[in-house]
Amino acid sequence: MKIHLTVLLKSKAENIEELKSKLKELVIQSNKEVACLQYDLHQSKKDPSVFIFHEIWEDQDGLDIHNNQSYIRDFFAISKTLLQDTPIVHSTSRVE
């Protein structure tokens, strides 16, 4: 079963460009993963400190592998210095 995620991240005001750079690198790396069907980064037009990931994973095993990648662990190790709040993760399903 495919996993759909929407992840909201809010940067500290002074870290917007640094965070954007690091998130863009996550996009490059994540899209190389076999189980990654979509991994897109968006930035709010209203509030440039807000970033949103739209992700689709082949299955839970693929997402688990993703979450254990060294580049993901490295990002979360530094994220507290860049982010204003804890990321908000929504697991969703398509409304038919």
N, C-alpha and C. Protein backbone atom coordinates (compact mmCIF):
# COMPACT_ATOMS: atom_id res chain seq x y z
N MET A 1 0.84 -1.18 0.00
CA MET A 1 0.00 0.00 0.00
C MET A 1 0.88 1.25 0.00
N LYS A 2 0.59 2.18 -0.87
CA LYS A 2 1.38 3.40 -0.97
C LYS A 2 1.18 4.28 0.26
N ILE A 3 2.25 4.97 0.64
CA ILE A 3 2.24 5.87 1.79
C ILE A 3 2.32 7.30 1.25
N HIS A 4 1.34 8.12 1.60
CA HIS A 4 1.31 9.54 1.20
C HIS A 4 1.57 10.38 2.44
N LEU A 5 2.55 11.26 2.35
CA LEU A 5 2.88 12.14 3.47
C LEU A 5 2.91 13.59 3.02
N THR A 6 2.46 14.45 3.91
CA THR A 6 2.65 15.88 3.77
C THR A 6 3.37 16.33 5.04
N VAL A 7 4.52 16.95 4.87
CA VAL A 7 5.35 17.33 6.02
C VAL A 7 5.54 18.84 5.99
N LEU A 8 5.20 19.49 7.10
CA LEU A 8 5.34 20.94 7.23
C LEU A 8 6.50 21.26 8.15
N LEU A 9 7.38 22.14 7.68
CA LEU A 9 8.54 22.57 8.46
C LEU A 9 8.56 24.09 8.50
N LYS A 10 8.84 24.65 9.67
CA LYS A 10 8.92 26.10 9.80
C LYS A 10 10.33 26.47 10.25
N SER A 11 10.99 27.24 9.42
CA SER A 11 12.35 27.68 9.68
C SER A 11 12.37 28.82 10.69
N LYS A 12 13.45 28.89 11.45
CA LYS A 12 13.72 30.12 12.19
C LYS A 12 14.00 31.19 11.14
N ALA A 13 13.59 32.42 11.41
CA ALA A 13 13.69 33.50 10.41
C ALA A 13 15.10 33.66 9.85
N GLU A 14 16.10 33.52 10.70
CA GLU A 14 17.49 33.73 10.26
C GLU A 14 18.06 32.54 9.49
N ASN A 15 17.31 31.43 9.40
CA ASN A 15 17.84 30.21 8.78
C ASN A 15 17.13 29.80 7.50
N ILE A 16 16.29 30.66 6.94
CA ILE A 16 15.47 30.26 5.80
C ILE A 16 16.32 29.75 4.64
N GLU A 17 17.32 30.49 4.23
CA GLU A 17 18.13 30.09 3.07
C GLU A 17 18.96 28.84 3.35
N GLU A 18 19.51 28.75 4.55
CA GLU A 18 20.28 27.56 4.90
C GLU A 18 19.39 26.33 4.93
N LEU A 19 18.21 26.47 5.53
CA LEU A 19 17.28 25.34 5.57
C LEU A 19 16.86 24.95 4.16
N LYS A 20 16.54 25.92 3.34
CA LYS A 20 16.13 25.62 1.96
C LYS A 20 17.20 24.83 1.23
N SER A 21 18.45 25.21 1.39
CA SER A 21 19.55 24.50 0.76
C SER A 21 19.62 23.05 1.24
N LYS A 22 19.49 22.84 2.52
CA LYS A 22 19.55 21.48 3.07
C LYS A 22 18.35 20.65 2.62
N LEU A 23 17.18 21.26 2.55
CA LEU A 23 15.99 20.54 2.11
C LEU A 23 16.09 20.16 0.64
N LYS A 24 16.65 21.03 -0.18
CA LYS A 24 16.84 20.73 -1.60
C LYS A 24 17.76 19.53 -1.77
N GLU A 25 18.75 19.41 -0.91
CA GLU A 25 19.64 18.24 -0.96
C GLU A 25 18.88 16.97 -0.58
N LEU A 26 17.97 17.07 0.40
CA LEU A 26 17.14 15.91 0.75
C LEU A 26 16.31 15.46 -0.45
N VAL A 27 15.80 16.41 -1.21
CA VAL A 27 15.00 16.08 -2.40
C VAL A 27 15.85 15.28 -3.39
N ILE A 28 17.05 15.76 -3.65
CA ILE A 28 17.93 15.07 -4.60
C ILE A 28 18.20 13.64 -4.14
N GLN A 29 18.58 13.48 -2.88
CA GLN A 29 18.91 12.16 -2.36
C GLN A 29 17.69 11.24 -2.28
N SER A 30 16.59 11.78 -1.79
CA SER A 30 15.39 10.96 -1.60
C SER A 30 14.83 10.45 -2.92
N ASN A 31 14.86 11.28 -3.94
CA ASN A 31 14.34 10.86 -5.24
C ASN A 31 15.15 9.75 -5.89
N LYS A 32 16.33 9.47 -5.37
CA LYS A 32 17.16 8.36 -5.86
C LYS A 32 16.74 7.02 -5.25
N GLU A 33 15.98 7.07 -4.18
CA GLU A 33 15.60 5.83 -3.49
C GLU A 33 14.58 5.04 -4.31
N VAL A 34 14.75 3.73 -4.31
CA VAL A 34 13.90 2.84 -5.11
C VAL A 34 12.42 2.99 -4.76
N ALA A 35 12.10 3.10 -3.49
CA ALA A 35 10.70 3.14 -3.05
C ALA A 35 10.08 4.53 -3.14
N CYS A 36 10.86 5.52 -3.53
CA CYS A 36 10.35 6.90 -3.62
C CYS A 36 9.61 7.09 -4.94
N LEU A 37 8.33 7.40 -4.84
CA LEU A 37 7.52 7.68 -6.02
C LEU A 37 7.38 9.19 -6.24
N GLN A 38 7.43 9.94 -5.16
CA GLN A 38 7.37 11.41 -5.25
C GLN A 38 7.98 11.98 -3.99
N TYR A 39 8.78 13.02 -4.16
CA TYR A 39 9.38 13.73 -3.02
C TYR A 39 9.62 15.16 -3.48
N ASP A 40 8.60 15.99 -3.30
CA ASP A 40 8.64 17.36 -3.79
C ASP A 40 8.67 18.34 -2.64
N LEU A 41 9.42 19.40 -2.83
CA LEU A 41 9.53 20.46 -1.83
C LEU A 41 8.83 21.71 -2.34
N HIS A 42 8.02 22.31 -1.47
CA HIS A 42 7.33 23.56 -1.78
C HIS A 42 7.64 24.57 -0.67
N GLN A 43 7.54 25.84 -1.02
CA GLN A 43 7.75 26.93 -0.06
C GLN A 43 6.52 27.82 -0.11
N SER A 44 6.03 28.19 1.05
CA SER A 44 4.84 29.04 1.13
C SER A 44 5.12 30.41 0.50
N LYS A 45 4.19 30.88 -0.31
CA LYS A 45 4.30 32.23 -0.87
C LYS A 45 3.95 33.27 0.19
N LYS A 46 3.06 32.92 1.09
CA LYS A 46 2.62 33.85 2.13
C LYS A 46 3.66 33.98 3.24
N ASP A 47 4.29 32.87 3.58
CA ASP A 47 5.28 32.85 4.67
C ASP A 47 6.49 32.04 4.21
N PRO A 48 7.55 32.70 3.71
CA PRO A 48 8.70 31.98 3.16
C PRO A 48 9.46 31.11 4.16
N SER A 49 9.12 31.21 5.44
CA SER A 49 9.78 30.34 6.42
C SER A 49 9.11 28.97 6.50
N VAL A 50 8.01 28.79 5.78
CA VAL A 50 7.28 27.52 5.80
C VAL A 50 7.61 26.71 4.55
N PHE A 51 8.05 25.48 4.77
CA PHE A 51 8.36 24.54 3.70
C PHE A 51 7.45 23.33 3.84
N ILE A 52 7.07 22.77 2.70
CA ILE A 52 6.14 21.64 2.69
C ILE A 52 6.69 20.57 1.75
N PHE A 53 6.80 19.35 2.28
CA PHE A 53 7.14 18.20 1.45
C PHE A 53 5.86 17.46 1.10
N HIS A 54 5.75 17.06 -0.17
CA HIS A 54 4.72 16.12 -0.60
C HIS A 54 5.47 14.85 -0.99
N GLU A 55 5.17 13.77 -0.29
CA GLU A 55 5.90 12.53 -0.49
C GLU A 55 4.93 11.39 -0.79
N ILE A 56 5.35 10.50 -1.68
CA ILE A 56 4.65 9.23 -1.89
C ILE A 56 5.71 8.14 -1.89
N TRP A 57 5.47 7.13 -1.06
CA TRP A 57 6.38 5.99 -0.93
C TRP A 57 5.66 4.73 -1.36
N GLU A 58 6.41 3.81 -1.94
CA GLU A 58 5.84 2.56 -2.44
C GLU A 58 5.13 1.78 -1.33
N ASP A 59 5.75 1.76 -0.15
CA ASP A 59 5.16 1.02 0.97
C ASP A 59 5.87 1.43 2.26
N GLN A 60 5.41 0.88 3.37
CA GLN A 60 5.98 1.24 4.67
C GLN A 60 7.44 0.83 4.78
N ASP A 61 7.79 -0.32 4.21
CA ASP A 61 9.19 -0.75 4.24
C ASP A 61 10.09 0.27 3.56
N GLY A 62 9.65 0.80 2.42
CA GLY A 62 10.43 1.81 1.71
C GLY A 62 10.58 3.08 2.52
N LEU A 63 9.51 3.49 3.20
CA LEU A 63 9.57 4.68 4.05
C LEU A 63 10.50 4.44 5.23
N ASP A 64 10.44 3.24 5.80
CA ASP A 64 11.33 2.92 6.92
C ASP A 64 12.80 2.98 6.49
N ILE A 65 13.09 2.46 5.31
CA ILE A 65 14.46 2.52 4.79
C ILE A 65 14.87 3.98 4.61
N HIS A 66 13.98 4.78 4.05
CA HIS A 66 14.25 6.22 3.86
C HIS A 66 14.58 6.89 5.19
N ASN A 67 13.76 6.64 6.19
CA ASN A 67 13.95 7.30 7.49
C ASN A 67 15.23 6.88 8.19
N ASN A 68 15.84 5.79 7.74
CA ASN A 68 17.10 5.33 8.33
C ASN A 68 18.32 5.66 7.48
N GLN A 69 18.12 6.40 6.39
CA GLN A 69 19.26 6.82 5.57
C GLN A 69 20.13 7.79 6.36
N SER A 70 21.43 7.74 6.14
CA SER A 70 22.34 8.62 6.89
C SER A 70 22.04 10.09 6.63
N TYR A 71 21.66 10.46 5.41
CA TYR A 71 21.40 11.88 5.14
C TYR A 71 20.14 12.37 5.86
N ILE A 72 19.18 11.49 6.10
CA ILE A 72 17.99 11.86 6.88
C ILE A 72 18.37 12.00 8.35
N ARG A 73 19.11 11.05 8.86
CA ARG A 73 19.56 11.13 10.26
C ARG A 73 20.42 12.37 10.48
N ASP A 74 21.30 12.67 9.53
CA ASP A 74 22.15 13.87 9.64
C ASP A 74 21.30 15.14 9.67
N PHE A 75 20.27 15.19 8.82
CA PHE A 75 19.40 16.37 8.81
C PHE A 75 18.70 16.54 10.15
N PHE A 76 18.15 15.47 10.68
CA PHE A 76 17.43 15.59 11.95
C PHE A 76 18.36 15.93 13.11
N ALA A 77 19.63 15.56 12.98
CA ALA A 77 20.60 15.91 14.03
C ALA A 77 20.82 17.42 14.10
N ILE A 78 20.71 18.12 12.98
CA ILE A 78 20.93 19.57 12.97
C ILE A 78 19.62 20.37 12.90
N SER A 79 18.51 19.68 12.72
CA SER A 79 17.25 20.38 12.46
C SER A 79 16.80 21.28 13.60
N LYS A 80 17.12 20.93 14.82
CA LYS A 80 16.68 21.77 15.95
C LYS A 80 17.30 23.16 15.90
N THR A 81 18.47 23.27 15.30
CA THR A 81 19.11 24.59 15.20
C THR A 81 18.50 25.42 14.07
N LEU A 82 17.89 24.76 13.09
CA LEU A 82 17.34 25.45 11.92
C LEU A 82 15.84 25.71 12.00
N LEU A 83 15.13 24.81 12.68
CA LEU A 83 13.67 24.86 12.69
C LEU A 83 13.13 25.59 13.91
N GLN A 84 12.04 26.29 13.70
CA GLN A 84 11.36 26.97 14.80
C GLN A 84 10.56 25.98 15.64
N ASP A 85 9.98 24.98 14.98
CA ASP A 85 9.13 23.99 15.64
C ASP A 85 9.48 22.60 15.14
N THR A 86 8.94 21.61 15.82
CA THR A 86 9.05 20.23 15.36
C THR A 86 8.26 20.09 14.05
N PRO A 87 8.79 19.36 13.07
CA PRO A 87 8.04 19.15 11.83
C PRO A 87 6.68 18.49 12.12
N ILE A 88 5.69 18.87 11.33
CA ILE A 88 4.36 18.28 11.44
C ILE A 88 4.20 17.34 10.26
N VAL A 89 3.91 16.07 10.56
CA VAL A 89 3.78 15.05 9.52
C VAL A 89 2.34 14.58 9.46
N HIS A 90 1.76 14.66 8.27
CA HIS A 90 0.41 14.16 8.03
C HIS A 90 0.51 12.97 7.08
N SER A 91 0.04 11.81 7.54
CA SER A 91 -0.10 10.66 6.67
C SER A 91 -1.53 10.70 6.14
N THR A 92 -1.67 10.70 4.82
CA THR A 92 -2.99 10.92 4.23
C THR A 92 -3.36 9.81 3.25
N SER A 93 -4.62 9.78 2.92
CA SER A 93 -5.10 8.90 1.86
C SER A 93 -5.97 9.72 0.92
N ARG A 94 -5.95 9.34 -0.31
CA ARG A 94 -6.70 10.06 -1.34
C ARG A 94 -8.20 9.86 -1.12
N VAL A 95 -8.94 10.94 -1.22
CA VAL A 95 -10.40 10.88 -1.11
C VAL A 95 -10.95 10.56 -2.49
N GLU A 96 -11.68 9.49 -2.58
CA GLU A 96 -12.26 9.05 -3.87
C GLU A 96 -13.70 9.49 -3.97
